[in-house]
Each structure stands twice: as C-alpha cells, then as structure tokens.
N, C-alpha and C. Protein backbone atom coordinates (compact mmCIF):
# COMPACT_ATOMS: atom_id res chain seq x y z
N MET A 1 -43.78 -19.15 -14.96
CA MET A 1 -43.22 -18.29 -13.88
C MET A 1 -44.08 -17.10 -13.77
N LEU A 2 -44.40 -16.87 -12.50
CA LEU A 2 -45.35 -15.67 -12.13
C LEU A 2 -44.43 -14.72 -11.60
N LYS A 3 -44.35 -13.50 -12.17
CA LYS A 3 -43.57 -12.40 -11.61
C LYS A 3 -44.46 -11.21 -11.43
N GLY A 4 -44.16 -10.52 -10.44
CA GLY A 4 -44.99 -9.31 -10.11
C GLY A 4 -44.41 -8.50 -8.99
N LYS A 5 -45.18 -7.45 -8.65
CA LYS A 5 -44.81 -6.53 -7.61
C LYS A 5 -46.21 -6.25 -6.98
N THR A 6 -46.18 -6.31 -5.64
CA THR A 6 -47.42 -5.96 -4.86
C THR A 6 -47.47 -4.40 -4.69
N LYS A 7 -48.65 -3.94 -4.38
CA LYS A 7 -48.85 -2.50 -4.27
C LYS A 7 -47.86 -1.96 -3.09
N SER A 8 -47.47 -2.77 -2.13
CA SER A 8 -46.50 -2.19 -1.14
C SER A 8 -45.07 -2.21 -1.71
N GLY A 9 -44.80 -2.72 -2.92
CA GLY A 9 -43.57 -2.73 -3.52
C GLY A 9 -42.69 -4.01 -3.40
N PHE A 10 -43.24 -5.07 -2.88
CA PHE A 10 -42.51 -6.34 -2.78
C PHE A 10 -42.63 -6.98 -4.17
N SER A 11 -41.32 -7.32 -4.81
CA SER A 11 -41.18 -7.99 -5.97
C SER A 11 -41.09 -9.50 -5.73
N TYR A 12 -41.71 -10.22 -6.56
CA TYR A 12 -41.65 -11.79 -6.35
C TYR A 12 -41.59 -12.53 -7.78
N GLN A 13 -41.13 -13.72 -7.66
CA GLN A 13 -41.10 -14.63 -8.77
C GLN A 13 -41.45 -15.90 -8.20
N ILE A 14 -42.51 -16.57 -8.79
CA ILE A 14 -42.95 -17.89 -8.31
C ILE A 14 -42.99 -18.84 -9.54
N SER A 15 -42.27 -19.98 -9.38
CA SER A 15 -42.35 -20.94 -10.46
C SER A 15 -43.61 -21.66 -10.60
N GLN A 16 -43.83 -22.17 -11.77
CA GLN A 16 -45.11 -22.93 -12.07
C GLN A 16 -45.12 -24.08 -11.13
N GLU A 17 -43.96 -24.73 -10.83
CA GLU A 17 -44.04 -25.89 -9.95
C GLU A 17 -44.58 -25.58 -8.58
N ARG A 18 -44.15 -24.40 -8.10
CA ARG A 18 -44.71 -23.93 -6.73
C ARG A 18 -46.12 -23.79 -6.72
N LEU A 19 -46.67 -23.21 -7.92
CA LEU A 19 -48.13 -22.90 -7.97
C LEU A 19 -48.90 -24.24 -8.18
N ASP A 20 -48.25 -25.17 -8.79
CA ASP A 20 -49.00 -26.43 -9.07
C ASP A 20 -48.62 -27.51 -8.04
N ASN A 21 -48.51 -27.16 -6.77
CA ASN A 21 -48.11 -28.01 -5.70
C ASN A 21 -49.37 -28.37 -4.88
N TYR A 22 -49.62 -29.72 -4.74
CA TYR A 22 -50.82 -30.17 -3.99
C TYR A 22 -50.82 -29.63 -2.54
N GLU A 23 -49.63 -29.65 -2.00
CA GLU A 23 -49.46 -29.32 -0.51
C GLU A 23 -49.87 -27.85 -0.32
N LEU A 24 -49.65 -27.06 -1.37
CA LEU A 24 -50.04 -25.63 -1.34
C LEU A 24 -51.60 -25.51 -1.36
N ALA A 25 -52.12 -26.33 -2.25
CA ALA A 25 -53.60 -26.34 -2.28
C ALA A 25 -54.20 -26.72 -1.02
N GLU A 26 -53.62 -27.76 -0.39
CA GLU A 26 -54.10 -28.16 0.92
C GLU A 26 -54.06 -27.13 2.00
N ALA A 27 -52.89 -26.44 2.02
CA ALA A 27 -52.72 -25.40 2.95
C ALA A 27 -53.74 -24.28 2.71
N ILE A 28 -53.94 -23.92 1.49
CA ILE A 28 -54.92 -22.85 1.13
C ILE A 28 -56.30 -23.26 1.63
N GLY A 29 -56.73 -24.57 1.36
CA GLY A 29 -57.93 -25.14 1.84
C GLY A 29 -58.09 -24.98 3.29
N GLY A 30 -57.02 -25.23 4.05
CA GLY A 30 -57.16 -25.14 5.48
C GLY A 30 -57.21 -23.87 6.13
N LEU A 31 -57.02 -22.74 5.25
CA LEU A 31 -56.97 -21.40 5.91
C LEU A 31 -58.34 -21.06 6.53
N GLU A 32 -59.44 -21.47 5.96
CA GLU A 32 -60.79 -21.11 6.50
C GLU A 32 -61.01 -21.66 7.94
N THR A 33 -60.42 -22.81 8.22
CA THR A 33 -60.65 -23.30 9.55
C THR A 33 -59.42 -23.13 10.49
N ASN A 34 -58.31 -22.79 9.87
CA ASN A 34 -57.05 -22.60 10.68
C ASN A 34 -56.27 -21.48 10.04
N PRO A 35 -56.42 -20.25 10.46
CA PRO A 35 -55.72 -19.12 9.96
C PRO A 35 -54.10 -19.32 10.04
N LEU A 36 -53.65 -20.13 10.94
CA LEU A 36 -52.22 -20.38 11.12
C LEU A 36 -51.55 -21.16 9.91
N GLU A 37 -52.48 -21.61 8.91
CA GLU A 37 -52.07 -22.31 7.77
C GLU A 37 -51.37 -21.28 6.83
N LEU A 38 -51.60 -19.98 7.07
CA LEU A 38 -51.00 -18.84 6.34
C LEU A 38 -49.44 -18.95 6.37
N ILE A 39 -48.93 -19.47 7.48
CA ILE A 39 -47.44 -19.63 7.56
C ILE A 39 -47.05 -20.66 6.52
N LYS A 40 -47.76 -21.76 6.42
CA LYS A 40 -47.37 -22.85 5.43
C LYS A 40 -47.62 -22.33 4.08
N VAL A 41 -48.65 -21.59 3.78
CA VAL A 41 -48.94 -21.01 2.38
C VAL A 41 -47.79 -20.14 1.94
N VAL A 42 -47.40 -19.30 2.93
CA VAL A 42 -46.28 -18.30 2.47
C VAL A 42 -45.08 -19.12 2.23
N ASN A 43 -44.67 -20.01 2.93
CA ASN A 43 -43.45 -20.80 2.70
C ASN A 43 -43.46 -21.67 1.44
N LEU A 44 -44.64 -22.36 1.33
CA LEU A 44 -44.87 -23.24 0.06
C LEU A 44 -44.93 -22.37 -1.20
N LEU A 45 -45.55 -21.21 -1.17
CA LEU A 45 -45.72 -20.38 -2.26
C LEU A 45 -44.37 -19.73 -2.73
N LEU A 46 -43.73 -19.12 -1.72
CA LEU A 46 -42.61 -18.29 -1.95
C LEU A 46 -41.23 -18.97 -1.83
N GLY A 47 -41.15 -20.01 -1.12
CA GLY A 47 -39.91 -20.64 -0.71
C GLY A 47 -39.37 -19.82 0.46
N THR A 48 -38.35 -20.38 1.11
CA THR A 48 -37.75 -19.79 2.28
C THR A 48 -37.17 -18.41 2.03
N LYS A 49 -36.33 -18.30 1.01
CA LYS A 49 -35.58 -17.10 0.71
C LYS A 49 -36.62 -15.99 0.45
N GLN A 50 -37.54 -16.10 -0.42
CA GLN A 50 -38.45 -15.03 -0.70
C GLN A 50 -39.42 -14.81 0.46
N ALA A 51 -39.83 -15.77 1.16
CA ALA A 51 -40.60 -15.65 2.39
C ALA A 51 -39.95 -14.74 3.35
N ASN A 52 -38.63 -14.92 3.57
CA ASN A 52 -37.92 -14.09 4.51
C ASN A 52 -37.88 -12.72 4.00
N LYS A 53 -37.70 -12.47 2.64
CA LYS A 53 -37.56 -11.13 2.12
C LYS A 53 -38.94 -10.45 2.37
N LEU A 54 -40.07 -11.24 2.15
CA LEU A 54 -41.38 -10.52 2.34
C LEU A 54 -41.55 -10.20 3.81
N LYS A 55 -41.12 -11.05 4.74
CA LYS A 55 -41.29 -10.73 6.20
C LYS A 55 -40.46 -9.42 6.56
N ASP A 56 -39.33 -9.45 5.89
CA ASP A 56 -38.47 -8.18 6.21
C ASP A 56 -39.07 -6.94 5.68
N HIS A 57 -39.68 -7.11 4.46
CA HIS A 57 -40.33 -5.97 3.78
C HIS A 57 -41.54 -5.49 4.61
N LEU A 58 -42.16 -6.38 5.36
CA LEU A 58 -43.43 -6.02 6.07
C LEU A 58 -43.15 -5.61 7.48
N ARG A 59 -41.93 -5.76 7.94
CA ARG A 59 -41.72 -5.47 9.44
C ARG A 59 -41.99 -3.97 9.63
N ASP A 60 -42.64 -3.74 10.89
CA ASP A 60 -42.93 -2.37 11.27
C ASP A 60 -41.65 -1.79 12.05
N LYS A 61 -41.84 -0.66 12.58
CA LYS A 61 -40.71 0.01 13.33
C LYS A 61 -40.24 -0.76 14.54
N ASN A 62 -41.16 -1.54 15.01
CA ASN A 62 -40.87 -2.38 16.21
C ASN A 62 -40.27 -3.74 15.88
N GLY A 63 -40.18 -3.96 14.51
CA GLY A 63 -39.62 -5.34 14.09
C GLY A 63 -40.58 -6.42 13.98
N LEU A 64 -41.85 -6.08 14.10
CA LEU A 64 -42.99 -7.05 14.11
C LEU A 64 -43.57 -7.05 12.77
N ILE A 65 -44.20 -8.19 12.37
CA ILE A 65 -44.84 -8.36 11.07
C ILE A 65 -46.34 -8.50 11.30
N PRO A 66 -47.10 -7.48 10.95
CA PRO A 66 -48.56 -7.64 11.16
C PRO A 66 -49.24 -8.65 10.32
N SER A 67 -49.98 -9.54 10.99
CA SER A 67 -50.54 -10.69 10.32
C SER A 67 -51.46 -10.17 9.08
N GLU A 68 -52.23 -9.11 9.35
CA GLU A 68 -53.08 -8.67 8.31
C GLU A 68 -52.33 -8.22 7.04
N LYS A 69 -51.11 -7.57 7.24
CA LYS A 69 -50.35 -7.13 6.10
C LYS A 69 -49.89 -8.38 5.29
N MET A 70 -49.40 -9.43 6.08
CA MET A 70 -49.00 -10.56 5.39
C MET A 70 -50.07 -11.27 4.60
N SER A 71 -51.24 -11.30 5.20
CA SER A 71 -52.44 -11.93 4.52
C SER A 71 -52.82 -11.12 3.28
N ASN A 72 -52.73 -9.78 3.33
CA ASN A 72 -53.04 -9.02 2.23
C ASN A 72 -52.11 -9.17 1.07
N GLU A 73 -50.78 -9.28 1.43
CA GLU A 73 -49.82 -9.52 0.39
C GLU A 73 -50.01 -10.83 -0.35
N ILE A 74 -50.22 -11.92 0.31
CA ILE A 74 -50.47 -13.13 -0.24
C ILE A 74 -51.73 -13.19 -1.07
N GLN A 75 -52.72 -12.55 -0.58
CA GLN A 75 -54.01 -12.40 -1.29
C GLN A 75 -53.76 -11.69 -2.67
N GLU A 76 -52.93 -10.66 -2.61
CA GLU A 76 -52.68 -9.78 -3.76
C GLU A 76 -51.90 -10.67 -4.77
N ILE A 77 -51.00 -11.51 -4.33
CA ILE A 77 -50.15 -12.30 -5.16
C ILE A 77 -51.09 -13.33 -5.87
N PHE A 78 -52.00 -13.89 -5.16
CA PHE A 78 -52.94 -14.89 -5.69
C PHE A 78 -53.95 -14.23 -6.70
N GLU A 79 -54.37 -13.03 -6.38
CA GLU A 79 -55.26 -12.34 -7.38
C GLU A 79 -54.52 -12.08 -8.58
N ALA A 80 -53.25 -11.65 -8.65
CA ALA A 80 -52.36 -11.44 -9.79
C ALA A 80 -52.34 -12.68 -10.64
N GLN A 81 -52.18 -13.81 -9.95
CA GLN A 81 -52.05 -15.10 -10.68
C GLN A 81 -53.40 -15.41 -11.33
N SER A 82 -54.51 -15.14 -10.62
CA SER A 82 -55.83 -15.28 -11.22
C SER A 82 -56.12 -14.49 -12.40
N GLN A 83 -55.67 -13.28 -12.35
CA GLN A 83 -55.87 -12.36 -13.46
C GLN A 83 -55.06 -12.88 -14.70
N LEU A 84 -53.81 -13.35 -14.44
CA LEU A 84 -52.94 -13.90 -15.48
C LEU A 84 -53.72 -15.11 -16.31
N LYS A 85 -54.33 -15.86 -15.43
CA LYS A 85 -54.96 -17.14 -16.06
C LYS A 85 -56.17 -16.67 -16.83
N ASN A 86 -56.84 -15.62 -16.53
CA ASN A 86 -58.06 -15.14 -17.13
C ASN A 86 -57.73 -14.32 -18.40
N SER A 87 -56.49 -13.88 -18.60
CA SER A 87 -56.23 -13.04 -19.79
C SER A 87 -55.62 -13.86 -20.99
C-alpha cells in the first residue's frame, strides 16, 4: 500500500494491485504521444472515488481543474512511489 500526501495537501492511498496493473503501465506509456491518456492514468491509479476527490481538491474558483495541476499531482505521486522503492 502506497500512502502519502502531495505538496498541495491531497492525501491518497494506492494498493499494490493498482500499482502493478498492466493497463496502468500501458496508459503511462501512451502519455508521450497522447496527453489525454492522463485521464486513464488518474482513474487506473487512484480509482474512481479518489480520482473524484483529487479533482475536487484541484478545482479553481471557477470550478475548473487545471490540466497542469492534475499532471503535477500525478507526477508527485509517482515520484513518491519511486522514492519508496529506492529506500
């Protein structure tokens, strides 16, 4: 289980099964050629409930979710997972 909190304050828990999902790896691999794969990455990584919580966490005053903020949050989660593997 990967647990953590991003710099913006979003707390998450991700099961090992979600991290070891081939479809997640596929979606991550597709990000370079298709940035819209981020949608699939978020849902596969976090699951629907946590993905919705993250979206609500990132909403601006107009109710919109900046793509760059979402991308940064997911990148931060992956970096935290990488650091855990290396320690």
